[in-house]
Amino acid sequence: MFDLETIKFAFTNLKRQRLRSYLTLLGMVIGIAAIVALLTMSNGLSIAIEEMFEGLGLDTITVQPGQQMGLSQAVSKSIEDEDIDIISNIVGVEAVAGFYEGAAIAKYRDRELSAFLIGYDPAQTEFIQQMGYLSLGSGRMLESSDLYSILISENFAKTALENKELTLKQKIEINGMNFRIVGLLEDSDMASGFGIINMVWITKNAAQTLFDIDEPVELMVKVTDESLAEPVAEEIEERLERAHGEKDVMVMTTGSLLESFNSVLGIMQAVLIMIAFISVIVGAIGIMNTMLMAVLDRTREIGAMKAIGATNSTILSIFVTEAALLGLAGGTAGVILGYIVALGISAVAGSFNFNLPIVPDPFVILFGILLSVIVGILSGIFPARRAALMDPVEALRCE
């Protein structure tokens, strides 16, 4: 059907109606661009999430209060210091670190800053560094003797005060207590990766004093080998349930967290692509409408071609080829536009300190172009069939 002579003839016909062809392409271009941009950004987000979890380590387990389907009805026994001892005695556990967390308003001179505070035992610094949470840029790490010392991210130091940068040895007031900045963390740490920019690290004792809490909010557990993560997580869940008398904690491995993120991402991707397909349908209707108009405008031409020997299949192939070329042009332009949009969004995300890699995917490119060509062909079949079934005598008489 799509021989070289037919393609040349169809291309010439489209050039004759250049403005109509360009307008027809818009719907297809927008639809394909939306699909390509969404697929590309979804792939980039998946890569970014995997990199963050790889930094956390597949040998890490998180223990938090509550249950999988919401908070427990009785969480008074959620996480206790004794739980650290229980978990530490499980075979395969290398280290356990407790996080003491809370939100607070930090003050610097006449400015108030929102901050998320995490307290930890400085003796666990090496373990927390291995997970990718702490990566020192300048200054020093917290020590066990520190009570009024803090660590902040370099990005927080640069952006918190807009025109003035926070530096080492400066003091910030938090809940009436003055803390001195002793270290600046690199922005590539896990906290920045998850978009928590205003994160402040303090010692366990300082957090317990600030928030009037004795027990950790969550635990991070490191196992001796990645293959032990799942069985150790099950053992932790069973032992804590026996100790608490109920199932009031949620135990998650890094692998299970990654699977959950990917599942949610997959659902969001499917929904967004379905919405984007509406634009493709609009583009298909536009191609069909254009081809119907072309058939009406060229009725006498169709009659003349039939009169000199053109068969129904020849007429059919000409109009289907024109529709396919419209789809091909729209798909190619849509793929290019889609990647431009994805790169723009990636640049915006980068300005907010979130890495969203955009990697050209041959499958996405091929899918976008093939989809547009197939939609074009399907949209052109009905008008082409009408043209092919015209009576040549009646067509020649058409005014």
Protein backbone atom coordinates (compact mmCIF):
# COMPACT_ATOMS: atom_id res chain seq x y z
CA MET A 1 0.00 0.00 0.00
CA PHE A 2 2.76 2.47 0.99
CA ASP A 3 4.95 2.40 -2.14
CA LEU A 4 7.34 5.27 -2.89
CA GLU A 5 5.20 6.78 -5.66
CA THR A 6 2.11 6.85 -3.41
CA ILE A 7 4.08 8.46 -0.59
CA LYS A 8 5.42 11.19 -2.92
CA PHE A 9 1.94 11.88 -4.30
CA ALA A 10 0.43 12.03 -0.79
CA PHE A 11 3.19 14.36 0.41
CA THR A 12 2.58 16.68 -2.53
CA ASN A 13 -1.14 16.82 -1.70
CA LEU A 14 -0.38 17.73 1.92
CA LYS A 15 1.97 20.51 0.82
CA ARG A 16 -0.82 21.99 -1.28
CA GLN A 17 -2.91 22.34 1.89
CA ARG A 18 -0.04 23.45 4.13
CA LEU A 19 -2.01 25.57 6.63
CA ARG A 20 -4.73 22.95 7.07
CA SER A 21 -2.07 20.27 7.60
CA TYR A 22 -0.25 22.32 10.23
CA LEU A 23 -3.44 22.99 12.17
CA THR A 24 -4.34 19.30 12.00
CA LEU A 25 -1.00 18.36 13.54
CA LEU A 26 -1.54 20.42 16.71
CA GLY A 27 -3.81 17.96 18.48
CA MET A 28 -1.52 15.03 17.73
CA VAL A 29 1.62 16.97 18.68
CA ILE A 30 0.17 17.98 22.06
CA GLY A 31 -1.07 14.46 22.81
CA ILE A 32 2.18 12.71 21.91
CA ALA A 33 4.26 15.40 23.66
CA ALA A 34 2.22 14.91 26.85
CA ILE A 35 2.68 11.13 26.76
CA VAL A 36 6.42 11.33 26.01
CA ALA A 37 7.02 13.98 28.68
CA LEU A 38 5.09 11.99 31.31
CA LEU A 39 6.84 8.71 30.48
CA THR A 40 10.25 10.39 30.44
CA MET A 41 9.70 12.19 33.74
CA SER A 42 8.30 9.03 35.33
CA ASN A 43 11.40 7.11 34.27
CA GLY A 44 13.59 9.93 35.61
CA LEU A 45 11.69 9.98 38.90
CA SER A 46 12.05 6.20 39.16
CA ILE A 47 15.83 6.51 38.61
CA ALA A 48 16.06 9.30 41.21
CA ILE A 49 14.12 7.25 43.77
CA GLU A 50 16.25 4.16 43.14
CA GLU A 51 19.43 6.22 43.58
CA MET A 52 18.14 7.61 46.88
CA PHE A 53 17.26 4.16 48.18
CA GLU A 54 20.58 2.76 46.98
CA GLY A 55 22.20 5.52 49.05
CA LEU A 56 20.10 4.38 52.01
CA GLY A 57 21.24 0.81 51.38
CA LEU A 58 19.31 -2.37 50.77
CA ASP A 59 20.66 -3.65 54.09
CA THR A 60 18.64 -1.09 56.07
CA ILE A 61 15.33 -1.57 57.92
CA THR A 62 13.05 1.22 59.20
CA VAL A 63 10.89 0.76 62.32
CA GLN A 64 8.11 3.32 62.88
CA PRO A 65 5.06 3.53 65.19
CA GLY A 66 1.68 2.62 63.73
CA GLN A 67 0.49 -0.02 61.29
CA GLN A 68 0.47 -0.49 57.54
CA MET A 69 -3.13 0.69 57.13
CA GLY A 70 -2.93 3.64 59.52
CA LEU A 71 -2.01 4.29 63.10
CA SER A 72 -2.68 1.69 65.75
CA GLN A 73 -5.57 2.33 68.11
CA ALA A 74 -3.12 2.16 71.00
CA VAL A 75 0.35 3.42 70.20
CA SER A 76 1.43 4.30 73.74
CA LYS A 77 3.88 1.38 73.56
CA SER A 78 5.03 2.20 70.03
CA ILE A 79 8.83 2.53 70.26
CA GLU A 80 10.86 2.43 73.45
CA ASP A 81 14.54 2.46 74.30
CA GLU A 82 14.15 -1.17 75.34
CA ASP A 83 13.19 -1.98 71.74
CA ILE A 84 16.71 -1.03 70.68
CA ASP A 85 18.10 -3.73 72.98
CA ILE A 86 15.57 -6.28 71.67
CA ILE A 87 16.48 -5.56 68.06
CA SER A 88 20.24 -5.46 68.77
CA ASN A 89 20.09 -9.04 70.09
CA ILE A 90 18.61 -10.42 66.85
CA VAL A 91 21.05 -12.47 64.80
CA GLY A 92 22.06 -10.56 61.66
CA VAL A 93 21.62 -7.06 63.12
CA GLU A 94 24.78 -4.95 62.87
CA ALA A 95 23.61 -1.61 64.29
CA VAL A 96 20.48 0.21 65.50
CA ALA A 97 20.03 3.98 65.60
CA GLY A 98 17.10 5.89 67.09
CA PHE A 99 15.84 9.20 65.67
CA TYR A 100 14.17 11.76 67.95
CA GLU A 101 12.21 14.06 65.63
CA GLY A 102 10.02 17.14 65.77
CA ALA A 103 9.17 20.41 64.03
CA ALA A 104 10.12 23.76 65.52
CA ILE A 105 10.47 27.46 64.75
CA ALA A 106 14.06 28.61 64.64
CA LYS A 107 14.90 32.28 65.17
CA TYR A 108 17.89 34.21 63.90
CA ARG A 109 17.91 37.86 64.93
CA ASP A 110 14.55 39.19 63.67
CA ARG A 111 13.83 36.27 61.34
CA GLU A 112 11.81 33.11 62.05
CA LEU A 113 12.61 29.91 60.15
CA SER A 114 10.62 26.67 59.98
CA ALA A 115 12.84 23.69 60.68
CA PHE A 116 12.56 19.92 61.06
CA LEU A 117 14.81 18.69 63.85
CA ILE A 118 16.29 15.20 64.15
CA GLY A 119 18.13 14.13 67.24
CA TYR A 120 20.51 11.17 67.24
CA ASP A 121 23.20 9.58 69.32
CA PRO A 122 26.56 10.94 68.07
CA ALA A 123 28.02 7.50 68.76
CA GLN A 124 25.95 6.30 65.76
CA THR A 125 27.38 8.95 63.39
CA GLU A 126 29.31 6.46 61.24
CA PHE A 127 26.21 4.28 60.76
CA ILE A 128 24.04 7.28 59.82
CA GLN A 129 26.72 8.47 57.38
CA GLN A 130 26.70 5.06 55.70
CA MET A 131 22.96 5.43 55.11
CA GLY A 132 23.57 8.71 53.26
CA TYR A 133 21.83 11.02 55.72
CA LEU A 134 24.96 12.83 56.86
CA SER A 135 27.66 14.03 54.47
CA LEU A 136 29.85 16.71 56.00
CA GLY A 137 30.77 19.66 53.79
CA SER A 138 32.58 21.83 56.32
CA GLY A 139 32.99 22.07 60.07
CA ARG A 140 32.65 18.96 62.22
CA MET A 141 30.15 16.32 63.23
CA LEU A 142 28.29 16.35 66.53
CA GLU A 143 29.97 14.83 69.56
CA SER A 144 28.47 13.15 72.61
CA SER A 145 29.43 16.13 74.77
CA ASP A 146 27.49 18.55 72.52
CA LEU A 147 24.14 19.77 73.82
CA TYR A 148 23.72 23.15 72.18
CA SER A 149 25.31 22.38 68.79
CA ILE A 150 23.59 21.74 65.44
CA LEU A 151 24.27 20.61 61.90
CA ILE A 152 22.43 22.25 58.97
CA SER A 153 22.51 21.67 55.21
CA GLU A 154 24.50 23.98 52.93
CA ASN A 155 21.31 24.78 51.03
CA PHE A 156 19.51 25.74 54.24
CA ALA A 157 22.45 27.97 55.17
CA LYS A 158 22.30 29.75 51.80
CA THR A 159 18.54 30.15 51.38
CA ALA A 160 17.07 30.45 54.88
CA LEU A 161 17.87 34.15 55.27
CA GLU A 162 17.48 35.09 51.59
CA ASN A 163 20.16 37.81 51.35
CA LYS A 164 22.40 36.62 54.19
CA GLU A 165 24.09 33.25 54.50
CA LEU A 166 24.35 31.30 57.73
CA THR A 167 27.91 30.28 58.57
CA LEU A 168 29.77 28.17 61.09
CA LYS A 169 29.79 29.34 64.73
CA GLN A 170 26.65 31.47 64.29
CA LYS A 171 23.85 30.85 66.77
CA ILE A 172 20.18 30.05 66.13
CA GLU A 173 17.47 30.12 68.79
CA ILE A 174 15.16 27.09 68.84
CA ASN A 175 12.34 26.90 71.40
CA GLY A 176 14.15 29.39 73.64
CA MET A 177 17.50 27.56 73.49
CA ASN A 178 20.52 28.92 71.61
CA PHE A 179 22.32 26.45 69.32
CA ARG A 180 25.66 27.02 67.62
CA ILE A 181 26.25 25.80 64.05
CA VAL A 182 29.23 23.43 64.13
CA GLY A 183 28.87 21.75 60.72
CA LEU A 184 27.40 22.25 57.26
CA LEU A 185 26.11 19.14 55.45
CA GLU A 186 26.42 18.65 51.71
CA ASP A 187 23.17 19.06 49.78
CA SER A 188 23.51 15.60 48.24
CA ASP A 189 22.46 13.85 51.43
CA MET A 190 19.30 11.75 51.71
CA ALA A 191 17.30 14.50 53.40
CA SER A 192 17.75 16.89 50.51
CA GLY A 193 16.98 14.07 48.11
CA PHE A 194 13.57 13.63 49.70
CA GLY A 195 12.96 17.39 49.49
CA ILE A 196 13.39 18.14 53.22
CA ILE A 197 15.65 21.17 52.92
CA ASN A 198 15.24 22.83 56.34
CA MET A 199 16.51 19.81 58.26
CA VAL A 200 18.51 20.44 61.42
CA TRP A 201 20.47 17.70 63.19
CA ILE A 202 20.98 17.86 66.95
CA THR A 203 22.04 15.41 69.63
CA LYS A 204 19.65 12.90 71.18
CA ASN A 205 19.83 14.69 74.56
CA ALA A 206 19.02 18.06 72.98
CA ALA A 207 16.01 16.63 71.15
CA GLN A 208 14.69 14.97 74.31
CA THR A 209 14.98 18.31 76.13
CA LEU A 210 13.42 20.37 73.32
CA PHE A 211 10.44 18.11 72.65
CA ASP A 212 10.07 16.66 76.17
CA ILE A 213 10.25 13.09 74.85
CA ASP A 214 12.12 10.07 76.14
CA GLU A 215 11.56 7.56 73.36
CA PRO A 216 12.72 7.63 69.72
CA VAL A 217 10.22 8.42 66.98
CA GLU A 218 11.73 5.87 64.59
CA LEU A 219 14.57 3.36 64.41
CA MET A 220 17.02 2.62 61.62
CA VAL A 221 18.43 -0.90 61.62
CA LYS A 222 21.42 -2.12 59.60
CA VAL A 223 21.84 -5.84 58.92
CA THR A 224 25.10 -7.62 58.20
CA ASP A 225 24.02 -8.66 54.69
CA GLU A 226 21.33 -7.52 52.21
CA SER A 227 19.94 -11.06 51.95
CA LEU A 228 19.06 -10.96 55.66
CA ALA A 229 16.92 -7.81 55.44
CA GLU A 230 13.55 -9.53 54.92
CA PRO A 231 13.97 -12.35 57.52
CA VAL A 232 15.38 -9.91 60.10
CA ALA A 233 12.47 -7.51 59.47
CA GLU A 234 10.01 -10.36 60.13
CA GLU A 235 11.89 -11.29 63.31
CA ILE A 236 11.82 -7.66 64.52
CA GLU A 237 8.07 -7.45 63.91
CA GLU A 238 7.41 -10.70 65.81
CA ARG A 239 9.59 -9.80 68.80
CA LEU A 240 8.21 -6.27 69.17
CA GLU A 241 4.65 -7.60 68.93
CA ARG A 242 5.38 -10.03 71.76
CA ALA A 243 7.07 -7.31 73.83
CA HIS A 244 4.27 -4.74 73.32
CA GLY A 245 1.38 -7.20 73.47
CA GLU A 246 0.05 -5.92 70.15
CA LYS A 247 1.13 -5.10 66.62
CA ASP A 248 1.77 -1.37 66.96
CA VAL A 249 4.87 -0.80 64.83
CA MET A 250 5.52 -0.83 61.10
CA VAL A 251 8.72 -2.57 59.97
CA MET A 252 9.86 -1.83 56.42
CA THR A 253 12.94 -2.86 54.48
CA THR A 254 14.49 -0.51 51.93
CA GLY A 255 13.50 -2.97 49.21
CA SER A 256 9.83 -3.00 50.28
CA LEU A 257 9.81 0.81 50.47
CA LEU A 258 11.23 0.98 46.95
CA GLU A 259 8.55 -1.43 45.71
CA SER A 260 5.83 0.69 47.35
CA PHE A 261 7.16 3.86 45.74
CA ASN A 262 7.36 2.19 42.34
CA SER A 263 3.80 0.83 42.70
CA VAL A 264 2.40 4.27 43.51
CA LEU A 265 4.48 5.78 40.71
CA GLY A 266 3.16 3.18 38.27
CA ILE A 267 -0.46 3.95 39.16
CA MET A 268 0.11 7.70 38.82
CA GLN A 269 1.86 7.15 35.50
CA ALA A 270 -1.02 5.05 34.15
CA VAL A 271 -3.63 7.65 35.21
CA LEU A 272 -1.70 10.55 33.70
CA ILE A 273 -1.10 8.71 30.44
CA MET A 274 -4.81 7.90 30.18
CA ILE A 275 -5.53 11.61 30.56
CA ALA A 276 -2.91 12.40 27.91
CA PHE A 277 -4.58 9.94 25.54
CA ILE A 278 -7.56 12.32 25.41
CA SER A 279 -5.34 14.73 23.46
CA VAL A 280 -4.40 11.90 21.11
CA ILE A 281 -8.09 11.18 20.51
CA VAL A 282 -8.64 14.87 19.78
CA GLY A 283 -5.74 14.70 17.32
CA ALA A 284 -7.26 11.63 15.69
CA ILE A 285 -10.60 13.41 15.25
CA GLY A 286 -8.72 16.34 13.73
CA ILE A 287 -6.99 14.09 11.19
CA MET A 288 -10.27 12.40 10.28
CA ASN A 289 -11.99 15.75 9.84
CA THR A 290 -9.16 17.05 7.66
CA MET A 291 -9.21 13.95 5.48
CA LEU A 292 -13.00 14.17 5.06
CA MET A 293 -12.62 17.78 3.94
CA ALA A 294 -9.84 16.73 1.56
CA VAL A 295 -12.09 14.07 0.02
CA LEU A 296 -14.85 16.65 -0.54
CA ASP A 297 -12.44 19.22 -2.00
CA ARG A 298 -10.88 16.70 -4.39
CA THR A 299 -14.00 14.88 -5.54
CA ARG A 300 -13.46 15.82 -9.21
CA GLU A 301 -9.79 14.85 -8.92
CA ILE A 302 -10.80 11.44 -7.57
CA GLY A 303 -13.25 11.02 -10.46
CA ALA A 304 -10.52 11.92 -12.98
CA MET A 305 -8.06 9.44 -11.47
CA LYS A 306 -10.67 6.70 -11.62
CA ALA A 307 -11.56 7.62 -15.18
CA ILE A 308 -7.96 7.05 -16.33
CA GLY A 309 -7.67 3.69 -14.56
CA ALA A 310 -6.98 4.25 -10.86
CA THR A 311 -8.39 1.36 -8.81
CA ASN A 312 -10.27 1.61 -5.50
CA SER A 313 -7.19 0.29 -3.67
CA THR A 314 -5.03 3.01 -5.26
CA ILE A 315 -7.40 5.77 -4.10
CA LEU A 316 -7.63 4.15 -0.67
CA SER A 317 -3.84 3.94 -0.33
CA ILE A 318 -3.36 7.61 -1.31
CA PHE A 319 -5.65 8.97 1.40
CA VAL A 320 -4.50 6.48 4.05
CA THR A 321 -0.89 7.43 3.25
CA GLU A 322 -1.73 11.12 3.69
CA ALA A 323 -3.27 10.37 7.10
CA ALA A 324 -0.25 8.26 8.07
CA LEU A 325 2.12 11.09 7.06
CA LEU A 326 0.12 13.53 9.20
CA GLY A 327 0.42 11.11 12.12
CA LEU A 328 4.16 10.61 11.51
CA ALA A 329 4.82 14.37 11.39
CA GLY A 330 2.71 14.97 14.51
CA GLY A 331 4.37 12.12 16.37
CA THR A 332 7.91 13.24 15.50
CA ALA A 333 7.20 16.83 16.53
CA GLY A 334 5.42 15.57 19.66
CA VAL A 335 8.41 13.45 20.72
CA ILE A 336 10.77 16.41 20.32
CA LEU A 337 8.43 18.75 22.18
CA GLY A 338 7.89 16.15 24.91
CA TYR A 339 11.62 15.89 25.62
CA ILE A 340 11.95 19.69 25.62
CA VAL A 341 9.14 19.94 28.21
CA ALA A 342 10.72 17.16 30.31
CA LEU A 343 14.11 18.90 30.25
CA GLY A 344 12.47 22.16 31.30
CA ILE A 345 10.73 20.52 34.25
CA SER A 346 13.98 18.77 35.18
CA ALA A 347 15.75 22.14 35.23
CA VAL A 348 13.04 23.59 37.49
CA ALA A 349 13.30 20.56 39.81
CA GLY A 350 17.08 21.04 39.91
CA SER A 351 16.63 24.62 41.06
CA PHE A 352 14.75 23.20 44.07
CA ASN A 353 17.63 20.82 44.77
CA PHE A 354 15.82 17.74 43.45
CA ASN A 355 17.67 15.67 40.85
CA LEU A 356 15.33 14.52 38.06
CA PRO A 357 17.48 12.84 35.36
CA ILE A 358 16.09 12.95 31.82
CA VAL A 359 17.41 10.05 29.76
CA PRO A 360 16.23 9.55 26.15
CA ASP A 361 14.57 6.15 25.94
CA PRO A 362 14.45 4.48 22.48
CA PHE A 363 11.29 2.63 23.53
CA VAL A 364 9.50 5.90 24.43
CA ILE A 365 10.59 7.51 21.16
CA LEU A 366 9.50 4.52 19.08
CA PHE A 367 6.24 4.20 21.03
CA GLY A 368 5.35 7.86 20.49
CA ILE A 369 6.02 7.77 16.74
CA LEU A 370 4.35 4.39 16.13
CA LEU A 371 1.31 5.40 18.17
CA SER A 372 0.85 8.58 16.15
CA VAL A 373 1.25 6.72 12.82
CA ILE A 374 -1.23 4.02 13.83
CA VAL A 375 -3.73 6.63 15.06
CA GLY A 376 -3.27 8.52 11.78
CA ILE A 377 -3.92 5.41 9.70
CA LEU A 378 -7.00 4.46 11.71
CA SER A 379 -8.32 8.02 11.44
CA GLY A 380 -7.80 8.05 7.67
CA ILE A 381 -9.44 4.72 6.83
CA PHE A 382 -13.04 5.99 6.89
CA PRO A 383 -12.42 9.08 4.68
CA ALA A 384 -10.19 7.01 2.35
CA ARG A 385 -12.89 4.36 2.00
CA ARG A 386 -15.44 7.03 1.10
CA ALA A 387 -13.09 8.32 -1.57
CA ALA A 388 -12.40 4.81 -2.93
CA LEU A 389 -16.11 3.95 -3.25
CA MET A 390 -17.00 7.11 -5.22
CA ASP A 391 -18.64 6.63 -8.57
CA PRO A 392 -16.29 8.22 -11.16
CA VAL A 393 -19.16 9.66 -13.27
CA GLU A 394 -20.83 11.28 -10.26
CA ALA A 395 -17.47 12.52 -9.02
CA LEU A 396 -16.68 14.24 -12.33
CA ARG A 397 -20.08 15.96 -12.31
CA CYS A 398 -19.42 17.41 -8.83
CA GLU A 399 -19.22 21.23 -8.76
